[in-house]
Amino acid sequence: MAQADEIIVNCGNSHVSANVFVSTPEGLLLKSSGLETLIHDLTKEEAWLDSLVTGLEKLSEKMSLKGEVRFIFPGNLLLTKTIRVPHVDPEKQRKIVAFELSQKMPFPLSELIWDYQIIDDDGVEEEVLAFAVKPEVAENFSEKMLSLGLIPKQITPAQVLDYSAIRGLLGDSDDQSEVLTINIGAKSTNLLFINPTGFLIRTITIGGNALSQNISDALGITFEKAENLKKGYFSQEITLAEDDPSIGVIQNASNQFLARASQEITRSIVTYKRLKKGKSPQKIFLTGRGALLPNLARYLIESQQLQVEYFDPLSSVTIGGGIKEKIKPLLPFMTSEAVGLAITLFSVDSTETGGLSSTINLLPSSKIKSLGLKQKLPLISVALLFLSLLPVPSILKHYNYQTRLKEYENKVSKELSILEKDISKQRLLHSELLFSQEFVSELKNSQTPLKSKIEGCWIIQDVINYIQGIISDEEIGDIWIDSFSLAKPSIKAYGMDKDDRSENFILTLSGRYLVRLNKETKQDQIRDELIELDRTKKEKLTAYFNQIPLIIEIKRKTFSIEGKGDLFNRFFSHYEYEIILDLR
């Protein structure tokens, strides 16, 4: 039996795209594709939905879209959490995930629509990536889409979909490879680390909007004008005179964006290597419309010393004849998430998608039923109209009609009596259940302090491991620790109330580090060289502490090149940090 078309709409922050896929004997076919830029103030999130509705209305008219649609949501509309749970049978898995997730989410799970995906499984523990959305957000969005004639069938997050597309490209030959996919969007950039057992996602808050904002600040123009100037200049639709000062501003803003993005990518790779015991990506794939920025690939090759390629998600997809030539050059940069979702939907064997057998759906089942009913209301109305035209008077002429009606009334009355008795029993059971739930809740709350203390012990061990890491860190080098202490913060000293102090600790750390001079340094340059090398080492040491996840704030840092340190005679400095930790 032939599979129906799948309409996939990617709701980006700055544009909306629609793609229609169908599975053929030759493989996946992209029948049609369209793109509309969203016209609104990109710095105001509340304006996004109205702009999306306007863009989709135009897109639906151009592409004749109607019926059931799968929607891809941007990450900024969702709550995201990564947790680790024991490897258990699938039927027990959701209960365990729900329990662990309820401890991490800022809102009760009963007040959220949530779903999850296993992203890594070593046979002992499973790493779970969970997404949640507030019901009012999903329902408001669904009502808007229904008004356009689009029936939401699925709402799924964009972050996880690149994985299926990449696995489809890599195939079985690259099962042991470590790959980093960088998807640059308008507000954020998704870093997808793919490894043999699964994948890891990290989102950094750097996107195309950051470059537009840099241009806006430098030229003193509005954000919208800076956005249009950026797109026009880099797409060569706008030509500026050689002596136009705007060229230098745009290039400088572009260089700042590249430097900042590369720095965040480097930090993420360092964190990934620490989590994966030294393993690091061997190749980088670029995708997303932000990847169209000139010199991006070359900059990453030089800064990361890795092979960089532009990812073409359509390499294994047939392009239909109905797609306009104008949009074809943009397709590789706007379809990776949609292709990843389509591959998962049409794949019979989950190994084709790297082990993903299903996709996340943040649309509640009750909403799906109600939306389907609303689509049937016109048909029901027509049916009722025809019924009203039936010859009712002739039916009433039958002599036994009233008798049958009375018999039916008696039968219903007896059934109602039985049901009322059953309801009374169920109410009694319900009251007993409520008592049990309250008892379990009180018992659980009484164990919370003990559980918190046990978890704190493990977290303190993690803190010690992180701190010991500076000794072996090759970028810092020649460093040792003289003192290390953990203590509860003083209320007076840190301005915290009693509740704030319950999960916070103060880490006091001091030691020394050696500053090595280059052999070629001349005698009259030694002092300046020592000062510069000492400054660099301070920055690297502070940067190391800033990337430790448990650190809330570096409250105080002190460096001594004289007294406790002796930089100019014995080439070492003394450091001391006072750091606030969150041990939750």
Protein backbone atom coordinates (compact mmCIF):
# COMPACT_ATOMS: atom_id res chain seq x y z
CA MET A 1 0.00 0.00 0.00
CA ALA A 2 1.39 3.36 -1.03
CA GLN A 3 2.25 5.75 1.78
CA ALA A 4 0.54 9.15 1.88
CA ASP A 5 2.36 12.44 1.45
CA GLU A 6 3.89 13.96 4.58
CA ILE A 7 3.69 17.76 4.91
CA ILE A 8 6.44 19.05 7.21
CA VAL A 9 6.52 22.71 8.24
CA ASN A 10 9.66 24.07 9.90
CA CYS A 11 8.72 27.06 12.08
CA GLY A 12 11.96 29.03 12.35
CA ASN A 13 12.46 32.29 14.20
CA SER A 14 13.17 34.30 11.05
CA HIS A 15 11.49 32.20 8.35
CA VAL A 16 9.01 29.38 7.82
CA SER A 17 9.49 26.60 5.29
CA ALA A 18 7.21 23.83 4.07
CA ASN A 19 8.30 20.57 2.44
CA VAL A 20 6.15 17.76 1.06
CA PHE A 21 7.75 14.29 1.06
CA VAL A 22 6.59 10.94 -0.27
CA SER A 23 8.23 7.52 -0.19
CA THR A 24 8.78 5.85 -3.59
CA PRO A 25 10.38 2.52 -4.55
CA GLU A 26 13.48 4.52 -5.52
CA GLY A 27 13.67 6.27 -2.12
CA LEU A 28 12.55 9.52 -0.55
CA LEU A 29 11.09 12.14 -2.93
CA LEU A 30 10.78 15.86 -2.16
CA LYS A 31 7.67 16.80 -4.15
CA SER A 32 7.50 20.50 -3.32
CA SER A 33 9.21 23.06 -1.13
CA GLY A 34 8.61 26.68 -0.20
CA LEU A 35 10.02 29.41 2.02
CA GLU A 36 8.62 32.63 3.48
CA THR A 37 10.60 35.20 5.49
CA LEU A 38 8.87 36.29 8.70
CA ILE A 39 8.42 40.04 8.86
CA HIS A 40 8.41 41.20 12.49
CA ASP A 41 10.71 42.58 15.16
CA LEU A 42 13.03 39.61 15.71
CA THR A 43 13.90 40.89 19.18
CA LYS A 44 10.26 40.52 20.35
CA GLU A 45 9.23 36.88 20.85
CA GLU A 46 5.53 37.71 21.32
CA ALA A 47 5.32 38.94 17.70
CA TRP A 48 6.55 35.63 16.29
CA LEU A 49 3.28 33.67 16.18
CA ASP A 50 1.28 36.34 14.33
CA SER A 51 4.11 36.73 11.83
CA LEU A 52 4.26 32.93 11.42
CA VAL A 53 0.52 32.77 10.69
CA THR A 54 0.88 35.46 8.02
CA GLY A 55 3.86 33.67 6.44
CA LEU A 56 2.11 30.28 6.49
CA GLU A 57 -1.01 31.78 4.96
CA LYS A 58 1.04 32.94 1.97
CA LEU A 59 2.91 29.62 1.81
CA SER A 60 -0.31 27.57 1.98
CA GLU A 61 -1.79 29.56 -0.89
CA LYS A 62 1.33 29.15 -3.06
CA MET A 63 1.77 25.41 -2.36
CA SER A 64 -1.93 24.49 -1.90
CA LEU A 65 -1.24 23.11 1.58
CA LYS A 66 -4.09 21.59 3.56
CA GLY A 67 -4.82 18.60 5.77
CA GLU A 68 -2.59 16.99 8.39
CA VAL A 69 0.79 18.66 8.97
CA ARG A 70 3.82 17.90 11.13
CA PHE A 71 5.34 21.02 12.68
CA ILE A 72 8.95 21.56 13.80
CA PHE A 73 9.30 23.98 16.73
CA PRO A 74 12.33 26.20 17.44
CA GLY A 75 14.19 25.49 20.68
CA ASN A 76 13.39 28.85 22.32
CA LEU A 77 9.71 27.83 22.71
CA LEU A 78 10.58 24.63 24.60
CA LEU A 79 11.98 23.51 27.94
CA THR A 80 14.90 21.11 27.46
CA LYS A 81 16.55 18.80 30.00
CA THR A 82 19.15 16.04 29.71
CA ILE A 83 19.08 13.31 32.37
CA ARG A 84 20.62 9.88 32.91
CA VAL A 85 18.51 6.89 33.94
CA PRO A 86 19.24 3.17 34.39
CA HIS A 87 18.88 0.93 31.35
CA VAL A 88 15.51 -0.81 31.86
CA ASP A 89 12.80 -2.55 29.84
CA PRO A 90 10.88 -0.21 27.50
CA GLU A 91 7.60 -0.66 29.42
CA LYS A 92 9.25 0.66 32.62
CA GLN A 93 11.29 3.34 30.94
CA ARG A 94 8.71 6.16 30.79
CA LYS A 95 7.87 5.87 34.51
CA ILE A 96 11.53 6.17 35.48
CA VAL A 97 12.08 9.07 33.08
CA ALA A 98 8.97 10.82 34.47
CA PHE A 99 10.23 10.46 38.03
CA GLU A 100 13.73 11.79 37.28
CA LEU A 101 12.39 14.56 35.05
CA SER A 102 9.97 15.75 37.74
CA GLN A 103 13.01 16.58 39.89
CA LYS A 104 14.62 18.71 37.16
CA MET A 105 11.80 20.63 35.46
CA PRO A 106 10.95 24.11 36.82
CA PHE A 107 7.23 23.23 36.58
CA PRO A 108 5.28 20.09 37.59
CA LEU A 109 5.04 17.58 34.75
CA SER A 110 1.25 17.58 35.14
CA GLU A 111 1.32 21.21 33.94
CA LEU A 112 3.40 20.45 30.84
CA ILE A 113 3.18 18.48 27.63
CA TRP A 114 6.41 16.48 27.49
CA ASP A 115 8.13 13.72 25.58
CA TYR A 116 11.66 12.33 25.41
CA GLN A 117 14.23 10.56 23.25
CA ILE A 118 17.05 8.17 24.23
CA ILE A 119 20.18 9.80 22.82
CA ASP A 120 22.88 7.49 24.24
CA ASP A 121 22.81 3.97 25.67
CA ASP A 122 25.87 2.07 26.88
CA GLY A 123 23.85 -0.88 28.18
CA VAL A 124 24.09 0.25 31.81
CA GLU A 125 22.74 3.79 31.68
CA GLU A 126 20.69 5.68 29.16
CA GLU A 127 21.07 9.37 28.43
CA VAL A 128 17.68 10.95 27.88
CA LEU A 129 16.89 14.24 26.14
CA ALA A 130 13.48 15.52 27.21
CA PHE A 131 11.43 18.39 25.81
CA ALA A 132 8.36 20.08 27.27
CA VAL A 133 6.00 22.86 26.26
CA LYS A 134 3.26 24.66 28.17
CA PRO A 135 -0.22 23.46 27.08
CA GLU A 136 -1.44 26.98 26.38
CA VAL A 137 1.43 27.49 23.90
CA ALA A 138 0.69 24.26 22.00
CA GLU A 139 -3.09 24.82 22.04
CA ASN A 140 -2.88 28.45 20.91
CA PHE A 141 -0.51 27.43 18.12
CA SER A 142 -2.82 24.56 17.09
CA GLU A 143 -5.88 26.80 16.95
CA LYS A 144 -4.03 29.28 14.73
CA MET A 145 -2.94 26.49 12.37
CA LEU A 146 -6.46 25.05 12.25
CA SER A 147 -7.78 28.45 11.16
CA LEU A 148 -5.48 28.13 8.12
CA GLY A 149 -6.84 24.66 7.27
CA LEU A 150 -3.71 22.91 8.61
CA ILE A 151 -4.42 20.11 11.10
CA PRO A 152 -1.47 19.63 13.50
CA LYS A 153 -0.50 15.98 13.58
CA GLN A 154 2.79 16.44 15.43
CA ILE A 155 4.85 19.12 17.15
CA THR A 156 8.48 18.08 17.41
CA PRO A 157 11.66 19.95 18.44
CA ALA A 158 14.19 20.91 15.78
CA GLN A 159 17.29 19.98 17.80
CA VAL A 160 17.06 16.16 17.45
CA LEU A 161 16.13 15.92 13.77
CA ASP A 162 19.56 16.55 12.23
CA TYR A 163 20.71 13.25 13.75
CA SER A 164 18.57 11.08 11.45
CA ALA A 165 19.65 13.06 8.39
CA ILE A 166 23.35 12.78 9.30
CA ARG A 167 23.11 9.05 10.11
CA GLY A 168 21.42 8.53 6.75
CA LEU A 169 24.42 10.19 5.07
CA LEU A 170 27.14 8.41 7.11
CA GLY A 171 25.70 4.90 6.73
CA ASP A 172 27.14 1.76 8.32
CA SER A 173 30.70 2.47 7.13
CA ASP A 174 31.07 5.38 9.56
CA ASP A 175 29.43 3.80 12.62
CA GLN A 176 32.59 4.35 14.68
CA SER A 177 33.12 7.96 13.64
CA GLU A 178 32.84 11.01 15.89
CA VAL A 179 31.11 13.83 13.98
CA LEU A 180 30.05 17.36 14.96
CA THR A 181 27.14 18.96 13.09
CA ILE A 182 26.76 22.75 13.49
CA ASN A 183 23.28 24.07 12.60
CA ILE A 184 23.31 27.88 12.72
CA GLY A 185 19.89 29.47 13.11
CA ALA A 186 18.63 32.98 13.77
CA LYS A 187 18.66 32.98 17.58
CA SER A 188 20.85 30.01 18.46
CA THR A 189 23.21 27.38 17.13
CA ASN A 190 22.72 23.65 17.73
CA LEU A 191 25.86 21.56 18.18
CA LEU A 192 25.14 17.88 17.51
CA PHE A 193 27.94 15.49 18.60
CA ILE A 194 27.38 12.08 16.98
CA ASN A 195 29.20 9.04 18.39
CA PRO A 196 28.88 5.24 17.94
CA THR A 197 26.42 4.84 20.85
CA GLY A 198 24.23 7.87 20.25
CA PHE A 199 24.50 11.64 20.24
CA LEU A 200 24.84 14.69 22.47
CA ILE A 201 23.22 18.09 21.86
CA ARG A 202 24.43 21.45 23.11
CA THR A 203 22.73 24.71 22.19
CA ILE A 204 24.71 27.95 22.25
CA THR A 205 22.96 31.33 22.20
CA ILE A 206 24.74 32.62 19.12
CA GLY A 207 22.88 32.91 15.82
CA GLY A 208 22.49 35.10 12.79
CA ASN A 209 20.67 37.70 14.91
CA ALA A 210 23.88 38.31 16.88
CA LEU A 211 25.67 39.39 13.69
CA SER A 212 22.74 41.65 12.75
CA GLN A 213 22.80 43.20 16.23
CA ASN A 214 26.57 43.87 15.93
CA ILE A 215 25.97 45.68 12.63
CA SER A 216 23.03 47.59 14.13
CA ASP A 217 25.10 48.78 17.10
CA ALA A 218 28.10 49.75 14.98
CA LEU A 219 26.15 51.69 12.32
CA GLY A 220 23.52 53.12 14.68
CA ILE A 221 20.60 51.74 12.64
CA THR A 222 17.56 49.67 13.59
CA PHE A 223 17.80 45.92 13.88
CA GLU A 224 15.50 45.39 10.87
CA LYS A 225 17.68 47.58 8.63
CA ALA A 226 20.82 45.82 9.85
CA GLU A 227 19.21 42.43 9.08
CA ASN A 228 18.32 43.50 5.53
CA LEU A 229 21.79 44.99 5.00
CA LYS A 230 23.44 41.77 6.21
CA LYS A 231 21.36 39.55 3.92
CA GLY A 232 21.71 41.83 0.94
CA TYR A 233 25.47 42.34 1.33
CA PHE A 234 26.45 38.70 1.85
CA SER A 235 24.06 37.48 -0.90
CA GLN A 236 25.52 40.17 -3.21
CA GLU A 237 22.05 41.56 -3.86
CA ILE A 238 23.33 44.89 -2.46
CA THR A 239 26.55 46.38 -3.85
CA LEU A 240 28.40 48.98 -1.77
CA ALA A 241 31.01 51.40 -3.07
CA GLU A 242 34.63 50.45 -2.31
CA ASP A 243 35.09 53.53 -0.09
CA ASP A 244 31.80 52.97 1.79
CA PRO A 245 32.68 52.78 5.53
CA SER A 246 29.84 50.29 6.00
CA ILE A 247 31.97 47.58 4.36
CA GLY A 248 34.57 47.78 7.12
CA VAL A 249 31.87 47.75 9.80
CA ILE A 250 30.18 44.67 8.29
CA GLN A 251 33.48 42.81 7.92
CA ASN A 252 34.50 43.69 11.48
CA ALA A 253 31.11 42.52 12.82
CA SER A 254 31.46 39.32 10.80
CA ASN A 255 34.93 38.67 12.25
CA GLN A 256 33.63 39.26 15.78
CA PHE A 257 30.79 36.81 15.16
CA LEU A 258 33.16 34.15 13.77
CA ALA A 259 35.58 34.56 16.70
CA ARG A 260 32.83 34.31 19.31
CA ALA A 261 31.17 31.31 17.64
CA SER A 262 34.51 29.51 17.27
CA GLN A 263 35.31 30.13 20.94
CA GLU A 264 31.98 28.64 22.06
CA ILE A 265 32.46 25.66 19.72
CA THR A 266 35.94 25.09 21.19
CA ARG A 267 34.53 25.13 24.73
CA SER A 268 31.83 22.65 23.74
CA ILE A 269 34.38 20.31 22.17
CA VAL A 270 36.54 20.46 25.32
CA THR A 271 33.49 19.59 27.46
CA TYR A 272 32.56 16.77 25.06
CA LYS A 273 36.10 15.35 25.23
CA ARG A 274 35.93 15.39 29.02
CA LEU A 275 32.57 13.56 29.00
CA LYS A 276 33.72 11.03 26.40
CA LYS A 277 37.13 10.39 28.00
CA GLY A 278 39.27 12.10 25.40
CA LYS A 279 37.29 11.30 22.25
CA SER A 280 36.77 14.25 19.95
CA PRO A 281 35.03 14.93 16.60
CA GLN A 282 36.97 14.05 13.46
CA LYS A 283 34.82 16.07 11.08
CA ILE A 284 32.46 19.06 11.17
CA PHE A 285 29.31 19.37 9.07
CA LEU A 286 27.76 22.84 8.57
CA THR A 287 24.06 23.39 7.95
CA GLY A 288 21.35 25.97 8.60
CA ARG A 289 20.87 29.29 6.80
CA GLY A 290 23.46 30.90 9.09
CA ALA A 291 26.07 28.60 7.51
CA LEU A 292 25.84 30.75 4.34
CA LEU A 293 28.09 33.34 6.02
CA PRO A 294 31.23 33.73 3.84
CA ASN A 295 34.56 32.50 5.23
CA LEU A 296 32.80 30.44 7.94
CA ALA A 297 34.17 27.08 6.77
CA ARG A 298 37.70 28.41 6.29
CA TYR A 299 37.67 30.07 9.71
CA LEU A 300 36.57 26.85 11.43
CA ILE A 301 39.20 24.82 9.57
CA GLU A 302 41.92 27.17 10.84
CA SER A 303 40.58 27.54 14.39
CA GLN A 304 39.49 23.94 15.03
CA GLN A 305 42.08 22.12 12.89
CA LEU A 306 39.34 19.76 11.65
CA GLN A 307 37.89 18.81 8.28
CA VAL A 308 34.83 21.00 7.59
CA GLU A 309 32.14 20.23 5.01
CA TYR A 310 28.77 21.70 4.14
CA PHE A 311 26.12 19.09 4.84
CA ASP A 312 23.75 18.35 1.97
CA PRO A 313 20.70 16.57 3.46
CA LEU A 314 19.27 16.09 -0.05
CA SER A 315 22.17 13.93 -1.28
CA SER A 316 19.99 10.82 -0.85
CA VAL A 317 16.68 12.51 -1.73
CA THR A 318 15.14 12.86 -5.19
CA ILE A 319 14.14 16.44 -6.06
CA GLY A 320 10.70 16.65 -7.67
CA GLY A 321 10.12 18.51 -10.90
CA GLY A 322 7.65 20.89 -9.27
CA ILE A 323 10.29 22.67 -7.21
CA LYS A 324 11.23 26.09 -8.57
CA GLU A 325 14.81 26.66 -9.71
CA LYS A 326 15.07 29.86 -7.62
CA ILE A 327 14.78 27.98 -4.33
CA LYS A 328 17.02 25.00 -5.17
CA PRO A 329 20.34 26.63 -4.04
CA LEU A 330 18.80 27.26 -0.59
CA LEU A 331 17.41 23.74 -0.10
CA PRO A 332 20.57 22.17 1.45
CA PHE A 333 20.61 24.93 4.10
CA MET A 334 16.90 24.85 5.04
CA THR A 335 15.84 21.19 4.84
CA SER A 336 18.11 19.23 7.20
CA GLU A 337 15.53 19.02 10.04
CA ALA A 338 12.68 18.25 7.63
CA VAL A 339 14.69 15.52 5.87
CA GLY A 340 15.65 14.02 9.24
CA LEU A 341 11.98 13.84 10.26
CA ALA A 342 10.93 12.42 6.89
CA ILE A 343 13.61 9.71 7.04
CA THR A 344 12.36 8.65 10.49
CA LEU A 345 8.71 8.62 9.36
CA PHE A 346 9.28 6.56 6.21
CA SER A 347 12.01 4.21 7.52
CA VAL A 348 10.87 0.67 8.32
CA ASP A 349 14.20 -0.28 9.88
CA SER A 350 15.29 2.03 12.73
CA THR A 351 18.97 1.32 11.97
CA GLU A 352 18.61 3.62 8.97
CA THR A 353 18.11 6.49 11.38
CA GLY A 354 20.84 5.59 13.84
CA GLY A 355 18.48 3.68 16.15
CA LEU A 356 15.63 6.21 16.36
CA SER A 357 12.37 4.31 15.98
CA SER A 358 10.06 7.22 16.77
CA THR A 359 10.01 10.98 17.01
CA ILE A 360 9.03 13.32 19.82
CA ASN A 361 5.45 14.62 19.74
CA LEU A 362 4.47 17.54 21.98
CA LEU A 363 0.87 17.66 20.74
CA PRO A 364 -1.46 16.08 23.35
CA SER A 365 -3.66 13.19 22.18
CA SER A 366 -6.76 14.95 23.53
CA LYS A 367 -5.96 17.95 21.33
CA ILE A 368 -5.54 15.73 18.28
CA LYS A 369 -9.02 14.25 18.84
CA SER A 370 -10.65 17.65 19.34
CA LEU A 371 -8.97 19.08 16.26
CA GLY A 372 -10.17 16.12 14.21
CA LEU A 373 -13.70 16.63 15.49
CA LYS A 374 -13.66 20.30 14.49
CA GLN A 375 -12.76 19.27 10.95
CA LYS A 376 -15.81 16.95 10.91
CA LEU A 377 -18.26 19.58 12.19
CA PRO A 378 -19.26 20.79 8.68
CA LEU A 379 -20.09 17.20 7.66
CA ILE A 380 -22.06 16.65 10.86
CA SER A 381 -24.00 19.86 10.26
CA VAL A 382 -24.90 18.76 6.74
CA ALA A 383 -25.96 15.35 8.02
CA LEU A 384 -28.20 16.95 10.66
CA LEU A 385 -29.74 19.15 8.01
CA PHE A 386 -30.67 16.13 5.90
CA LEU A 387 -32.09 14.38 8.95
CA SER A 388 -34.27 17.39 9.68
CA LEU A 389 -35.77 17.04 6.22
CA LEU A 390 -36.88 13.45 6.80
CA PRO A 391 -40.64 12.83 6.97
CA VAL A 392 -40.84 12.88 10.75
CA PRO A 393 -44.67 13.12 10.84
CA SER A 394 -45.04 9.82 8.98
CA ILE A 395 -42.84 8.08 11.57
CA LEU A 396 -45.00 9.36 14.42
CA LYS A 397 -48.03 7.74 12.83
CA HIS A 398 -46.88 4.30 13.82
CA TYR A 399 -49.14 3.13 16.62
CA ASN A 400 -46.40 1.55 18.75
CA TYR A 401 -43.96 4.44 18.66
CA GLN A 402 -45.01 5.86 22.05
CA THR A 403 -44.99 2.38 23.58
CA ARG A 404 -41.44 1.66 22.42
CA LEU A 405 -40.34 5.06 23.67
CA LYS A 406 -41.78 4.32 27.11
CA GLU A 407 -40.09 0.90 27.24
CA TYR A 408 -36.80 2.48 26.34
CA GLU A 409 -37.26 5.08 29.09
CA ASN A 410 -37.80 2.33 31.70
CA LYS A 411 -34.72 0.47 30.50
CA VAL A 412 -32.57 3.58 30.72
CA SER A 413 -33.87 4.33 34.22
CA LYS A 414 -32.83 0.89 35.45
CA GLU A 415 -29.38 1.27 33.90
CA LEU A 416 -28.99 4.69 35.52
CA SER A 417 -29.83 3.22 38.93
CA ILE A 418 -27.13 0.59 38.53
CA LEU A 419 -24.63 3.19 37.37
CA GLU A 420 -25.36 5.42 40.37
CA LYS A 421 -24.50 2.55 42.71
CA ASP A 422 -21.26 1.96 40.82
CA ILE A 423 -20.43 5.67 41.03
CA SER A 424 -20.91 5.61 44.82
CA LYS A 425 -18.47 2.72 45.09
CA GLN A 426 -15.96 4.50 42.85
CA ARG A 427 -16.18 7.65 44.96
CA LEU A 428 -15.35 5.64 48.08
CA LEU A 429 -12.38 4.06 46.32
CA HIS A 430 -11.32 7.48 45.08
CA SER A 431 -11.27 8.92 48.61
CA GLU A 432 -9.11 5.97 49.73
CA LEU A 433 -6.79 6.56 46.79
CA LEU A 434 -6.43 10.25 47.68
CA PHE A 435 -5.45 9.27 51.23
CA SER A 436 -2.83 6.85 49.87
CA GLN A 437 -1.45 9.51 47.56
CA GLU A 438 -1.16 12.01 50.42
CA PHE A 439 0.58 9.40 52.59
CA VAL A 440 3.07 8.55 49.82
CA SER A 441 3.70 12.26 49.23
CA GLU A 442 4.46 12.87 52.91
CA LEU A 443 6.75 9.83 53.01
CA LYS A 444 8.57 11.02 49.91
CA ASN A 445 9.01 14.53 51.35
CA SER A 446 10.46 13.12 54.56
CA GLN A 447 13.19 11.37 52.52
CA THR A 448 14.08 14.42 50.47
CA PRO A 449 16.75 15.83 52.87
CA LEU A 450 18.56 12.44 52.98
CA LYS A 451 18.45 12.14 49.20
CA SER A 452 19.78 15.70 48.86
CA LYS A 453 22.71 14.93 51.17
CA ILE A 454 23.60 11.74 49.25
CA GLU A 455 23.48 13.55 45.91
CA GLY A 456 25.59 16.37 47.38
CA CYS A 457 28.36 13.91 48.28
CA TRP A 458 28.64 12.74 44.66
CA ILE A 459 28.54 16.32 43.38
CA ILE A 460 31.37 17.30 45.76
CA GLN A 461 33.41 14.46 44.28
CA ASP A 462 32.70 15.90 40.80
CA VAL A 463 33.93 19.30 42.03
CA ILE A 464 37.20 17.76 43.22
CA ASN A 465 37.64 15.99 39.87
CA TYR A 466 37.06 19.21 37.96
CA ILE A 467 39.57 21.11 40.13
CA GLN A 468 42.19 18.38 39.77
CA GLY A 469 41.78 18.75 36.01
CA ILE A 470 43.68 22.04 35.96
CA ILE A 471 46.88 20.20 36.90
CA SER A 472 46.70 18.05 33.78
CA ASP A 473 45.29 20.74 31.49
CA GLU A 474 47.86 21.20 28.71
CA GLU A 475 46.70 24.74 27.87
CA ILE A 476 47.46 25.96 31.42
CA GLY A 477 50.38 23.75 32.50
CA ASP A 478 52.94 24.10 35.34
CA ILE A 479 50.37 24.69 38.06
CA TRP A 480 49.85 23.27 41.53
CA ILE A 481 47.34 23.64 44.34
CA ASP A 482 48.37 24.69 47.86
CA SER A 483 44.97 24.78 49.59
CA PHE A 484 41.43 23.60 48.87
CA SER A 485 38.44 24.07 51.17
CA LEU A 486 34.63 23.91 51.02
CA ALA A 487 32.35 25.73 53.45
CA LYS A 488 28.82 27.03 53.78
CA PRO A 489 28.54 30.75 52.88
CA SER A 490 28.06 33.39 55.53
CA ILE A 491 24.65 35.08 55.35
CA LYS A 492 26.13 38.45 56.21
CA ALA A 493 29.06 38.15 53.82
CA TYR A 494 27.06 37.03 50.75
CA GLY A 495 23.66 38.59 51.33
CA MET A 496 21.83 35.26 51.14
CA ASP A 497 18.78 34.18 53.10
CA LYS A 498 18.71 30.82 54.84
CA ASP A 499 17.02 28.97 51.95
CA ASP A 500 19.55 30.28 49.40
CA ARG A 501 22.43 28.88 51.46
CA SER A 502 20.99 25.33 51.67
CA GLU A 503 22.43 24.19 48.33
CA ASN A 504 25.37 26.62 47.94
CA PHE A 505 28.95 26.16 49.07
CA ILE A 506 32.00 28.42 49.00
CA LEU A 507 35.11 26.88 47.44
CA THR A 508 38.36 28.59 48.48
CA LEU A 509 41.30 27.58 46.34
CA SER A 510 44.88 28.84 46.24
CA GLY A 511 48.17 27.80 44.70
CA ARG A 512 50.93 28.83 42.36
CA TYR A 513 51.80 28.50 38.72
CA LEU A 514 55.06 28.74 36.82
CA VAL A 515 55.53 31.22 33.96
CA ARG A 516 57.96 29.88 31.34
CA LEU A 517 59.99 32.33 29.28
CA ASN A 518 60.88 31.74 25.66
CA LYS A 519 64.61 31.03 25.28
CA GLU A 520 64.86 33.73 22.62
CA THR A 521 63.62 36.50 24.94
CA LYS A 522 66.13 39.32 25.21
CA GLN A 523 67.27 40.56 28.64
CA ASP A 524 65.60 43.95 28.34
CA GLN A 525 62.31 42.29 27.31
CA ILE A 526 62.11 39.74 30.13
CA ARG A 527 59.93 41.84 32.42
CA ASP A 528 57.37 42.73 29.72
CA GLU A 529 57.35 39.16 28.45
CA LEU A 530 56.74 37.80 31.99
CA ILE A 531 53.84 40.22 32.53
CA GLU A 532 52.19 39.26 29.23
CA LEU A 533 52.63 35.51 29.81
CA ASP A 534 51.32 35.90 33.36
CA ARG A 535 48.22 37.73 32.07
CA THR A 536 47.54 35.00 29.51
CA LYS A 537 47.83 32.32 32.15
CA LYS A 538 45.44 34.17 34.45
CA GLU A 539 42.85 34.33 31.67
CA LYS A 540 43.19 30.62 30.83
CA LEU A 541 42.90 29.64 34.49
CA THR A 542 39.80 31.81 35.00
CA ALA A 543 38.28 30.50 31.73
CA TYR A 544 38.80 26.94 32.97
CA PHE A 545 36.85 27.64 36.15
CA ASN A 546 34.08 29.46 34.24
CA GLN A 547 33.29 26.35 32.16
CA ILE A 548 32.80 24.10 35.22
CA PRO A 549 29.00 23.46 35.26
CA LEU A 550 28.66 23.55 39.08
CA ILE A 551 30.10 27.07 39.45
CA ILE A 552 27.53 29.85 39.97
CA GLU A 553 29.95 32.74 40.33
CA ILE A 554 33.63 33.50 40.90
CA LYS A 555 33.19 35.79 43.92
CA ARG A 556 36.81 36.79 44.29
CA LYS A 557 40.08 36.14 42.49
CA THR A 558 43.48 37.39 43.62
CA PHE A 559 46.85 37.07 41.88
CA SER A 560 50.22 37.99 43.47
CA ILE A 561 53.41 38.41 41.52
CA GLU A 562 55.24 39.65 44.59
CA GLY A 563 55.08 38.56 48.23
CA LYS A 564 53.32 35.19 47.92
CA GLY A 565 54.48 35.11 44.32
CA ASP A 566 57.89 35.90 42.84
CA LEU A 567 57.37 36.52 39.13
CA PHE A 568 60.45 38.50 38.21
CA ASN A 569 63.05 36.47 40.13
CA ARG A 570 61.74 32.91 40.28
CA PHE A 571 59.11 33.14 37.56
CA PHE A 572 56.04 32.05 39.52
CA SER A 573 52.80 33.76 40.63
CA HIS A 574 50.39 33.06 43.43
CA TYR A 575 46.62 32.78 42.86
CA GLU A 576 43.61 32.56 45.13
CA TYR A 577 39.95 32.05 44.14
CA GLU A 578 36.74 32.25 46.12
CA ILE A 579 33.95 30.52 44.18
CA ILE A 580 30.23 29.99 44.85
CA LEU A 581 29.10 26.44 43.95
CA ASP A 582 25.59 25.07 43.39
CA LEU A 583 25.56 21.47 44.67
CA ARG A 584 22.00 20.69 43.68
